[in-house]
């Protein structure tokens, strides 16, 4: 069995940059996302740099049988994860009672359930390789977010779960890191219904996706529990911890209201 790094949500944005960073450090990859064309193009680009071409699995991880299908495909190719990178996820901007309920439940399935299953199903393999789990959360994880309530809640789960798993799996030699980026210019904003120039594009807090991926990779290698890229983002997280939520919630609500596109109001 060959050891691989499994990366979800790898077709664009931070996920694609994580794939490039891990490949640059000699990891053989398995890339998982819904968009097969984008995954294949990324795999070709990585192969062109001289590395082994990543295995591409075009699965929708929000489907209840997706993780079992991923595991079966890995076994069929005689591959086993040394690292799992859970990047797949999406957000929706708007008031929870007004947004499509099924879409919000799908968000929970992808951001929470699939991430949890992928974090647990390969633990024996990860321990055998003394590898790790990199779970992509967000600075949204540090407080409730009216205007994106379910998304913020899913990221709070990812952070809490990852920190606990860091403690539980450390004795087995498995590193677990929660990567909590701030705004990054990716396709996330369009999918979420955030307008250009809104919260997701603020230059003060924004870092390039490549830099976020590099910091996440090195944080995992060093066994860090939580990585918050960027000094401005770390300052923002500090204030979420020292200021009362009752003070912060109206600020978040106003910022989200200003950032939403008209058809999401």
Protein backbone atom coordinates (compact mmCIF):
# COMPACT_ATOMS: atom_id res chain seq x y z
CA UNK A 1 0.00 0.00 0.00
CA UNK A 2 1.33 3.43 -0.98
CA UNK A 3 0.97 6.31 1.45
CA UNK A 4 -0.95 9.33 0.15
CA UNK A 5 -2.29 12.65 1.29
CA UNK A 6 -6.03 12.93 0.75
CA UNK A 7 -7.26 16.48 0.05
CA UNK A 8 -10.95 17.36 -0.26
CA UNK A 9 -12.36 20.45 -1.94
CA UNK A 10 -9.21 20.52 -4.07
CA UNK A 11 -10.68 21.86 -7.30
CA UNK A 12 -10.05 25.55 -6.54
CA UNK A 13 -9.08 28.14 -3.94
CA UNK A 14 -7.34 27.11 -0.75
CA UNK A 15 -7.84 23.41 -1.54
CA UNK A 16 -6.01 23.66 -4.86
CA UNK A 17 -3.18 25.59 -3.22
CA UNK A 18 -2.95 23.02 -0.43
CA UNK A 19 -2.57 20.36 -3.13
CA UNK A 20 0.26 22.30 -4.76
CA UNK A 21 2.03 22.85 -1.43
CA UNK A 22 1.80 19.21 -0.33
CA UNK A 23 2.95 18.05 -3.79
CA UNK A 24 5.91 20.45 -3.66
CA UNK A 25 6.96 18.74 -0.42
CA UNK A 26 6.94 15.31 -2.03
CA UNK A 27 3.49 14.00 -1.09
CA UNK A 28 1.57 11.74 -3.42
CA UNK A 29 -1.99 13.07 -3.54
CA UNK A 30 -5.57 11.94 -3.86
CA UNK A 31 -7.79 14.88 -4.82
CA UNK A 32 -11.51 14.81 -4.07
CA UNK A 33 -14.17 17.29 -5.23
CA UNK A 34 -17.29 17.40 -7.38
CA UNK A 35 -15.73 19.12 -10.41
CA UNK A 36 -13.79 16.45 -12.29
CA UNK A 37 -12.52 18.76 -15.04
CA UNK A 38 -10.90 21.16 -12.57
CA UNK A 39 -9.41 18.29 -10.57
CA UNK A 40 -7.94 16.73 -13.72
CA UNK A 41 -6.41 20.05 -14.77
CA UNK A 42 -4.83 20.46 -11.34
CA UNK A 43 -3.54 16.88 -11.42
CA UNK A 44 -1.98 17.51 -14.84
CA UNK A 45 -0.34 20.72 -13.58
CA UNK A 46 1.14 18.91 -10.58
CA UNK A 47 2.38 16.05 -12.77
CA UNK A 48 4.03 18.59 -15.08
CA UNK A 49 6.24 19.71 -12.19
CA UNK A 50 7.78 16.24 -12.03
CA UNK A 51 5.73 14.64 -9.27
CA UNK A 52 3.47 11.60 -9.51
CA UNK A 53 0.11 12.54 -11.02
CA UNK A 54 -2.51 12.73 -8.25
CA UNK A 55 -5.40 10.31 -8.21
CA UNK A 56 -8.65 12.17 -8.95
CA UNK A 57 -11.98 11.21 -7.33
CA UNK A 58 -14.97 13.24 -8.49
CA UNK A 59 -17.37 12.70 -5.58
CA UNK A 60 -19.90 14.90 -3.84
CA UNK A 61 -18.94 14.50 -0.20
CA UNK A 62 -22.33 15.78 0.95
CA UNK A 63 -23.76 12.42 -0.16
CA UNK A 64 -24.10 9.98 2.73
CA UNK A 65 -22.15 7.17 1.01
CA UNK A 66 -19.34 9.36 -0.33
CA UNK A 67 -16.74 8.61 2.33
CA UNK A 68 -17.30 4.87 2.00
CA UNK A 69 -16.83 5.25 -1.77
CA UNK A 70 -13.60 7.20 -1.23
CA UNK A 71 -12.29 4.48 1.10
CA UNK A 72 -13.22 1.78 -1.43
CA UNK A 73 -11.44 3.61 -4.26
CA UNK A 74 -8.30 4.01 -2.17
CA UNK A 75 -8.30 0.32 -1.32
CA UNK A 76 -8.84 -0.60 -4.97
CA UNK A 77 -5.77 1.45 -5.93
CA UNK A 78 -3.74 0.05 -2.99
CA UNK A 79 -3.46 3.49 -1.40
CA UNK A 80 -3.77 4.45 2.24
CA UNK A 81 -3.83 7.93 3.78
CA UNK A 82 -0.86 9.21 5.74
CA UNK A 83 -2.55 12.61 5.90
CA UNK A 84 -6.13 13.83 5.49
CA UNK A 85 -6.84 17.44 4.56
CA UNK A 86 -10.50 18.37 5.03
CA UNK A 87 -10.98 21.54 3.02
CA UNK A 88 -14.33 20.88 1.32
CA UNK A 89 -17.09 23.18 2.50
CA UNK A 90 -19.28 26.12 1.59
CA UNK A 91 -21.23 28.94 3.19
CA UNK A 92 -24.54 30.70 2.57
CA UNK A 93 -25.16 34.35 3.40
CA UNK A 94 -28.59 35.47 4.57
CA UNK A 95 -31.03 35.03 7.42
CA UNK A 96 -31.35 31.37 8.34
CA UNK A 97 -35.15 31.41 8.35
CA UNK A 98 -35.15 32.83 4.80
CA UNK A 99 -32.47 30.65 3.21
CA UNK A 100 -33.28 27.32 1.61
CA UNK A 101 -33.49 24.76 4.43
CA UNK A 102 -32.23 21.84 2.35
CA UNK A 103 -29.19 23.82 1.24
CA UNK A 104 -28.37 24.64 4.85
CA UNK A 105 -28.67 20.98 5.84
CA UNK A 106 -26.41 20.07 2.92
CA UNK A 107 -23.92 22.58 4.30
CA UNK A 108 -23.96 20.73 7.62
CA UNK A 109 -23.53 17.41 5.82
CA UNK A 110 -20.43 18.66 4.01
CA UNK A 111 -18.85 21.02 6.54
CA UNK A 112 -19.48 18.82 9.59
CA UNK A 113 -20.56 15.24 8.90
CA UNK A 114 -18.20 14.45 6.01
CA UNK A 115 -15.29 16.16 7.74
CA UNK A 116 -15.94 14.17 10.92
CA UNK A 117 -16.19 10.87 9.06
CA UNK A 118 -13.00 11.50 7.08
CA UNK A 119 -11.19 12.51 10.26
CA UNK A 120 -12.10 9.22 11.95
CA UNK A 121 -12.30 6.54 9.29
CA UNK A 122 -8.54 6.45 8.54
CA UNK A 123 -7.12 6.87 12.04
CA UNK A 124 -5.34 3.49 12.04
CA UNK A 125 -3.67 4.33 8.74
CA UNK A 126 -2.71 7.81 9.95
CA UNK A 127 -1.25 6.38 13.15
CA UNK A 128 0.71 3.78 11.22
CA UNK A 129 2.33 6.50 9.13
CA UNK A 130 2.57 8.97 12.02
CA UNK A 131 0.73 11.40 9.80
CA UNK A 132 -1.90 14.02 10.44
CA UNK A 133 -5.23 15.70 9.84
CA UNK A 134 -5.56 19.29 8.65
CA UNK A 135 -9.11 20.57 9.07
CA UNK A 136 -9.91 23.90 7.44
CA UNK A 137 -12.11 26.00 9.74
CA UNK A 138 -12.24 29.82 9.69
CA UNK A 139 -11.91 32.81 11.98
CA UNK A 140 -15.72 32.56 11.82
CA UNK A 141 -15.29 29.65 14.24
CA UNK A 142 -14.60 31.99 17.13
CA UNK A 143 -18.03 33.62 17.45
CA UNK A 144 -21.65 33.28 16.28
CA UNK A 145 -22.41 34.95 12.95
CA UNK A 146 -25.87 36.40 12.36
CA UNK A 147 -26.27 36.64 8.60
CA UNK A 148 -24.33 33.37 8.09
CA UNK A 149 -25.46 31.57 11.22
CA UNK A 150 -25.24 27.96 10.05
CA UNK A 151 -21.87 28.47 8.36
CA UNK A 152 -20.36 30.07 11.46
CA UNK A 153 -21.77 27.25 13.58
CA UNK A 154 -20.26 24.57 11.33
CA UNK A 155 -16.85 26.19 11.57
CA UNK A 156 -17.16 26.45 15.36
CA UNK A 157 -17.74 22.69 15.34
CA UNK A 158 -14.68 22.11 13.14
CA UNK A 159 -12.48 24.09 15.52
CA UNK A 160 -13.82 22.44 18.67
CA UNK A 161 -13.69 18.93 17.19
CA UNK A 162 -10.17 19.42 15.82
CA UNK A 163 -8.78 20.74 19.09
CA UNK A 164 -10.23 17.77 20.97
CA UNK A 165 -9.00 15.31 18.36
CA UNK A 166 -5.54 16.89 18.57
CA UNK A 167 -5.46 15.84 22.23
CA UNK A 168 -6.98 12.41 21.68
CA UNK A 169 -4.75 11.32 18.79
CA UNK A 170 -1.46 12.83 19.94
CA UNK A 171 -0.52 9.71 21.97
CA UNK A 172 -0.87 7.69 18.75
CA UNK A 173 1.53 9.98 16.89
CA UNK A 174 -1.17 11.65 14.78
CA UNK A 175 -1.02 15.44 14.45
CA UNK A 176 -4.32 17.32 14.16
CA UNK A 177 -4.39 20.99 13.17
CA UNK A 178 -7.28 23.40 12.67
CA UNK A 179 -6.49 25.99 10.00
CA UNK A 180 -8.57 29.14 10.60
CA UNK A 181 -8.08 31.61 7.73
CA UNK A 182 -9.72 34.98 7.46
CA UNK A 183 -11.02 36.34 4.15
CA UNK A 184 -9.38 34.82 1.08
CA UNK A 185 -10.30 35.75 -2.49
CA UNK A 186 -11.73 32.46 -3.82
CA UNK A 187 -14.97 31.18 -5.33
CA UNK A 188 -16.34 30.88 -1.78
CA UNK A 189 -17.77 34.42 -1.89
CA UNK A 190 -19.79 33.80 -5.05
CA UNK A 191 -21.20 30.51 -3.73
CA UNK A 192 -22.07 32.13 -0.40
CA UNK A 193 -23.84 35.11 -1.95
CA UNK A 194 -21.35 37.77 -0.82
CA UNK A 195 -20.84 40.74 -3.10
CA UNK A 196 -17.38 41.77 -4.41
CA UNK A 197 -15.84 44.31 -2.08
CA UNK A 198 -17.79 42.93 0.87
CA UNK A 199 -16.60 41.09 3.97
CA UNK A 200 -14.80 38.39 2.01
CA UNK A 201 -12.63 40.81 0.05
CA UNK A 202 -11.40 43.18 2.75
CA UNK A 203 -7.77 43.92 1.99
CA UNK A 204 -6.77 44.49 5.61
CA UNK A 205 -7.47 40.90 6.62
CA UNK A 206 -7.03 39.10 3.30
CA UNK A 207 -4.11 36.78 2.55
CA UNK A 208 -3.43 34.97 -0.74
CA UNK A 209 -4.70 31.40 -0.82
CA UNK A 210 -1.16 30.13 -1.45
CA UNK A 211 0.14 31.78 1.72
CA UNK A 212 -2.73 30.35 3.76
CA UNK A 213 -1.95 26.89 2.37
CA UNK A 214 1.74 27.19 3.20
CA UNK A 215 1.01 28.26 6.77
CA UNK A 216 -1.46 25.41 7.15
CA UNK A 217 1.04 22.86 5.86
CA UNK A 218 3.85 24.02 8.13
CA UNK A 219 1.50 24.22 11.10
CA UNK A 220 0.50 20.59 10.56
CA UNK A 221 4.11 19.46 10.17
CA UNK A 222 5.01 21.22 13.44
CA UNK A 223 2.06 19.70 15.25
CA UNK A 224 0.32 23.01 15.99
CA UNK A 225 -3.20 22.71 17.36
CA UNK A 226 -4.58 25.85 15.70
CA UNK A 227 -3.20 28.05 12.90
CA UNK A 228 -4.66 31.52 12.31
CA UNK A 229 -2.84 33.01 9.29
CA UNK A 230 -1.99 36.71 9.45
CA UNK A 231 -1.36 39.08 12.33
CA UNK A 232 -4.56 41.04 11.64
CA UNK A 233 -6.61 37.86 11.81
CA UNK A 234 -4.92 36.82 15.05
CA UNK A 235 -5.77 40.22 16.50
CA UNK A 236 -9.39 39.79 15.39
CA UNK A 237 -9.52 36.38 17.09
CA UNK A 238 -8.05 37.89 20.27
CA UNK A 239 -10.86 40.46 20.44
CA UNK A 240 -13.52 37.78 19.92
CA UNK A 241 -12.17 36.09 23.04
CA UNK A 242 -12.01 39.13 25.29
CA UNK A 243 -15.07 41.13 24.20
CA UNK A 244 -18.60 40.01 25.15
CA UNK A 245 -20.55 38.33 22.36
CA UNK A 246 -23.42 40.68 23.12
CA UNK A 247 -21.17 43.52 21.98
CA UNK A 248 -19.81 41.71 18.91
CA UNK A 249 -22.99 40.18 17.49
CA UNK A 250 -24.56 43.43 16.20
CA UNK A 251 -21.23 44.31 14.57
CA UNK A 252 -21.11 40.98 12.75
CA UNK A 253 -24.76 41.28 11.75
CA UNK A 254 -24.25 44.76 10.27
CA UNK A 255 -21.14 43.71 8.36
CA UNK A 256 -22.87 40.68 6.91
CA UNK A 257 -25.91 42.73 5.94
CA UNK A 258 -23.69 45.15 4.05
CA UNK A 259 -21.82 42.34 2.30
CA UNK A 260 -24.75 40.31 0.96
CA UNK A 261 -25.79 40.61 -2.67
CA UNK A 262 -29.27 41.97 -3.31
CA UNK A 263 -30.90 38.61 -4.06
CA UNK A 264 -29.71 37.24 -0.71
CA UNK A 265 -31.16 40.04 1.43
